[in-house]
């Protein structure tokens, strides 16, 4: 009698365990759960990629500054602390500003949008 009760209880416990396991797996395989899992993995991959890119950029900048210092030492170029920093000019001119021409000390502006 005890043997039958033991095996019956063991069978019921195994059935409950298997049913719970299967239901959890089915919930993980629903379209909503799969989409959420994929989105979370994509976000994590994006964060890892961003961290690596930032680390790479910092390494490049540090090595660039070190190499620039080495080249300045090798060429004997040292910035004078009393001089102002060099001014940078834009690579592209402002096309919205009308061009002006000076002829015989008279300034003429050329603007194609002016009424003639």
C-alpha atoms as a PDB file:
ATOM      1  CA  UNK A   1       0.000   0.000   0.000  1.00  0.00           C
ATOM      2  CA  UNK A   2       2.785   2.464   0.897  1.00  0.00           C
ATOM      3  CA  UNK A   3       4.604   1.589  -2.290  1.00  0.00           C
ATOM      4  CA  UNK A   4       1.584   2.462  -4.411  1.00  0.00           C
ATOM      5  CA  UNK A   5       1.108   5.727  -2.541  1.00  0.00           C
ATOM      6  CA  UNK A   6       4.788   6.611  -2.984  1.00  0.00           C
ATOM      7  CA  UNK A   7       4.730   5.988  -6.726  1.00  0.00           C
ATOM      8  CA  UNK A   8       1.394   7.750  -7.134  1.00  0.00           C
ATOM      9  CA  UNK A   9       2.761  10.835  -5.301  1.00  0.00           C
ATOM     10  CA  UNK A  10       5.978  10.706  -7.326  1.00  0.00           C
ATOM     11  CA  UNK A  11       3.963  10.537 -10.573  1.00  0.00           C
ATOM     12  CA  UNK A  12       1.773  13.470  -9.549  1.00  0.00           C
ATOM     13  CA  UNK A  13       4.833  15.549  -8.598  1.00  0.00           C
ATOM     14  CA  UNK A  14       6.535  14.710 -11.899  1.00  0.00           C
ATOM     15  CA  UNK A  15       3.363  15.620 -13.793  1.00  0.00           C
ATOM     16  CA  UNK A  16       3.041  18.977 -12.009  1.00  0.00           C
ATOM     17  CA  UNK A  17       6.735  19.704 -12.578  1.00  0.00           C
ATOM     18  CA  UNK A  18       6.522  18.800 -16.292  1.00  0.00           C
ATOM     19  CA  UNK A  19       3.315  20.821 -16.775  1.00  0.00           C
ATOM     20  CA  UNK A  20       4.854  23.880 -15.105  1.00  0.00           C
ATOM     21  CA  UNK A  21       8.012  23.535 -17.200  1.00  0.00           C
ATOM     22  CA  UNK A  22       6.039  23.208 -20.459  1.00  0.00           C
ATOM     23  CA  UNK A  23       3.798  26.189 -19.614  1.00  0.00           C
ATOM     24  CA  UNK A  24       6.823  28.395 -18.865  1.00  0.00           C
ATOM     25  CA  UNK A  25       8.416  27.394 -22.177  1.00  0.00           C
ATOM     26  CA  UNK A  26       5.178  28.093 -24.061  1.00  0.00           C
ATOM     27  CA  UNK A  27       4.989  31.564 -22.493  1.00  0.00           C
ATOM     28  CA  UNK A  28       8.594  32.217 -23.585  1.00  0.00           C
ATOM     29  CA  UNK A  29       7.711  31.243 -27.156  1.00  0.00           C
ATOM     30  CA  UNK A  30       4.788  33.631 -27.604  1.00  0.00           C
ATOM     31  CA  UNK A  31       5.354  36.335 -30.250  1.00  0.00           C
ATOM     32  CA  UNK A  32       5.253  39.135 -27.646  1.00  0.00           C
ATOM     33  CA  UNK A  33       7.842  37.429 -25.463  1.00  0.00           C
ATOM     34  CA  UNK A  34      10.111  36.682 -28.431  1.00  0.00           C
ATOM     35  CA  UNK A  35       9.873  40.308 -29.590  1.00  0.00           C
ATOM     36  CA  UNK A  36      10.682  41.602 -26.111  1.00  0.00           C
ATOM     37  CA  UNK A  37      13.644  39.258 -25.803  1.00  0.00           C
ATOM     38  CA  UNK A  38      14.973  40.261 -29.219  1.00  0.00           C
ATOM     39  CA  UNK A  39      14.569  43.960 -28.384  1.00  0.00           C
ATOM     40  CA  UNK A  40      16.403  43.542 -25.069  1.00  0.00           C
ATOM     41  CA  UNK A  41      19.265  41.671 -26.738  1.00  0.00           C
ATOM     42  CA  UNK A  42      19.511  44.350 -29.447  1.00  0.00           C
ATOM     43  CA  UNK A  43      19.658  47.110 -26.830  1.00  0.00           C
ATOM     44  CA  UNK A  44      22.355  45.245 -24.894  1.00  0.00           C
ATOM     45  CA  UNK A  45      24.380  44.714 -28.084  1.00  0.00           C
ATOM     46  CA  UNK A  46      24.022  48.408 -28.925  1.00  0.00           C
ATOM     47  CA  UNK A  47      25.305  49.406 -25.489  1.00  0.00           C
ATOM     48  CA  UNK A  48      28.277  47.038 -25.783  1.00  0.00           C
ATOM     49  CA  UNK A  49      29.082  48.366 -29.251  1.00  0.00           C
ATOM     50  CA  UNK A  50      28.811  51.977 -28.063  1.00  0.00           C
ATOM     51  CA  UNK A  51      31.111  51.298 -25.109  1.00  0.00           C
ATOM     52  CA  UNK A  52      33.696  49.706 -27.382  1.00  0.00           C
ATOM     53  CA  UNK A  53      33.462  52.567 -29.904  1.00  0.00           C
ATOM     54  CA  UNK A  54      33.890  55.185 -27.169  1.00  0.00           C
ATOM     55  CA  UNK A  55      36.859  53.295 -25.753  1.00  0.00           C
ATOM     56  CA  UNK A  56      38.374  53.021 -29.221  1.00  0.00           C
ATOM     57  CA  UNK A  57      37.897  56.751 -29.874  1.00  0.00           C
ATOM     58  CA  UNK A  58      39.547  57.632 -26.560  1.00  0.00           C
ATOM     59  CA  UNK A  59      42.483  55.352 -27.364  1.00  0.00           C
ATOM     60  CA  UNK A  60      42.863  56.922 -30.804  1.00  0.00           C
ATOM     61  CA  UNK A  61      42.816  60.452 -29.349  1.00  0.00           C
ATOM     62  CA  UNK A  62      45.360  59.572 -26.672  1.00  0.00           C
ATOM     63  CA  UNK A  63      47.699  57.939 -29.197  1.00  0.00           C
ATOM     64  CA  UNK A  64      47.219  60.862 -31.592  1.00  0.00           C
ATOM     65  CA  UNK A  65      48.190  63.374 -28.901  1.00  0.00           C
ATOM     66  CA  UNK A  66      51.197  61.268 -27.939  1.00  0.00           C
ATOM     67  CA  UNK A  67      52.349  60.975 -31.563  1.00  0.00           C
ATOM     68  CA  UNK A  68      51.845  64.713 -32.122  1.00  0.00           C
ATOM     69  CA  UNK A  69      54.025  65.450 -29.078  1.00  0.00           C
ATOM     70  CA  UNK A  70      56.680  63.069 -30.386  1.00  0.00           C
ATOM     71  CA  UNK A  71      56.663  64.773 -33.790  1.00  0.00           C
ATOM     72  CA  UNK A  72      56.852  68.246 -32.233  1.00  0.00           C
ATOM     73  CA  UNK A  73      59.841  67.150 -30.149  1.00  0.00           C
ATOM     74  CA  UNK A  74      61.515  65.596 -33.171  1.00  0.00           C
ATOM     75  CA  UNK A  75      60.993  68.700 -35.320  1.00  0.00           C
ATOM     76  CA  UNK A  76      61.710  71.180 -32.558  1.00  0.00           C
ATOM     77  CA  UNK A  77      58.244  72.734 -32.798  1.00  0.00           C
ATOM     78  CA  UNK A  78      57.006  73.828 -29.428  1.00  0.00           C
ATOM     79  CA  UNK A  79      53.978  76.037 -28.899  1.00  0.00           C
ATOM     80  CA  UNK A  80      54.841  79.373 -27.285  1.00  0.00           C
ATOM     81  CA  UNK A  81      52.500  79.831 -24.280  1.00  0.00           C
ATOM     82  CA  UNK A  82      52.504  83.617 -24.783  1.00  0.00           C
ATOM     83  CA  UNK A  83      51.049  83.413 -28.298  1.00  0.00           C
ATOM     84  CA  UNK A  84      47.286  83.138 -28.807  1.00  0.00           C
ATOM     85  CA  UNK A  85      45.990  79.884 -30.257  1.00  0.00           C
ATOM     86  CA  UNK A  86      45.853  79.647 -34.037  1.00  0.00           C
ATOM     87  CA  UNK A  87      42.594  80.614 -35.676  1.00  0.00           C
ATOM     88  CA  UNK A  88      40.782  78.055 -37.747  1.00  0.00           C
ATOM     89  CA  UNK A  89      39.029  79.098 -40.924  1.00  0.00           C
ATOM     90  CA  UNK A  90      35.972  77.354 -42.323  1.00  0.00           C
ATOM     91  CA  UNK A  91      36.592  75.034 -45.245  1.00  0.00           C
ATOM     92  CA  UNK A  92      33.431  76.196 -47.016  1.00  0.00           C
ATOM     93  CA  UNK A  93      32.580  79.838 -47.503  1.00  0.00           C
ATOM     94  CA  UNK A  94      29.232  81.249 -46.481  1.00  0.00           C
ATOM     95  CA  UNK A  95      27.171  81.225 -49.661  1.00  0.00           C
ATOM     96  CA  UNK A  96      24.315  83.220 -48.132  1.00  0.00           C
ATOM     97  CA  UNK A  97      26.462  86.329 -47.859  1.00  0.00           C
ATOM     98  CA  UNK A  98      26.376  88.405 -51.078  1.00  0.00           C
ATOM     99  CA  UNK A  99      29.712  88.876 -52.806  1.00  0.00           C
ATOM    100  CA  UNK A 100      31.085  92.379 -53.043  1.00  0.00           C
ATOM    101  CA  UNK A 101      33.424  93.845 -55.631  1.00  0.00           C
ATOM    102  CA  UNK A 102      35.473  97.018 -55.421  1.00  0.00           C
ATOM    103  CA  UNK A 103      36.018  98.932 -58.664  1.00  0.00           C
ATOM    104  CA  UNK A 104      37.566 102.427 -58.588  1.00  0.00           C
ATOM    105  CA  UNK A 105      37.027 102.739 -54.822  1.00  0.00           C
ATOM    106  CA  UNK A 106      33.312 101.964 -55.250  1.00  0.00           C
ATOM    107  CA  UNK A 107      31.857  98.849 -53.644  1.00  0.00           C
ATOM    108  CA  UNK A 108      29.332  96.858 -55.661  1.00  0.00           C
ATOM    109  CA  UNK A 109      27.434  93.888 -54.262  1.00  0.00           C
ATOM    110  CA  UNK A 110      26.376  91.002 -56.418  1.00  0.00           C
ATOM    111  CA  UNK A 111      23.218  89.310 -55.290  1.00  0.00           C
ATOM    112  CA  UNK A 112      21.288  87.263 -57.819  1.00  0.00           C
ATOM    113  CA  UNK A 113      18.128  87.691 -55.762  1.00  0.00           C
ATOM    114  CA  UNK A 114      18.099  91.486 -56.052  1.00  0.00           C
ATOM    115  CA  UNK A 115      15.551  93.124 -58.272  1.00  0.00           C
ATOM    116  CA  UNK A 116      17.204  94.835 -61.239  1.00  0.00           C
END
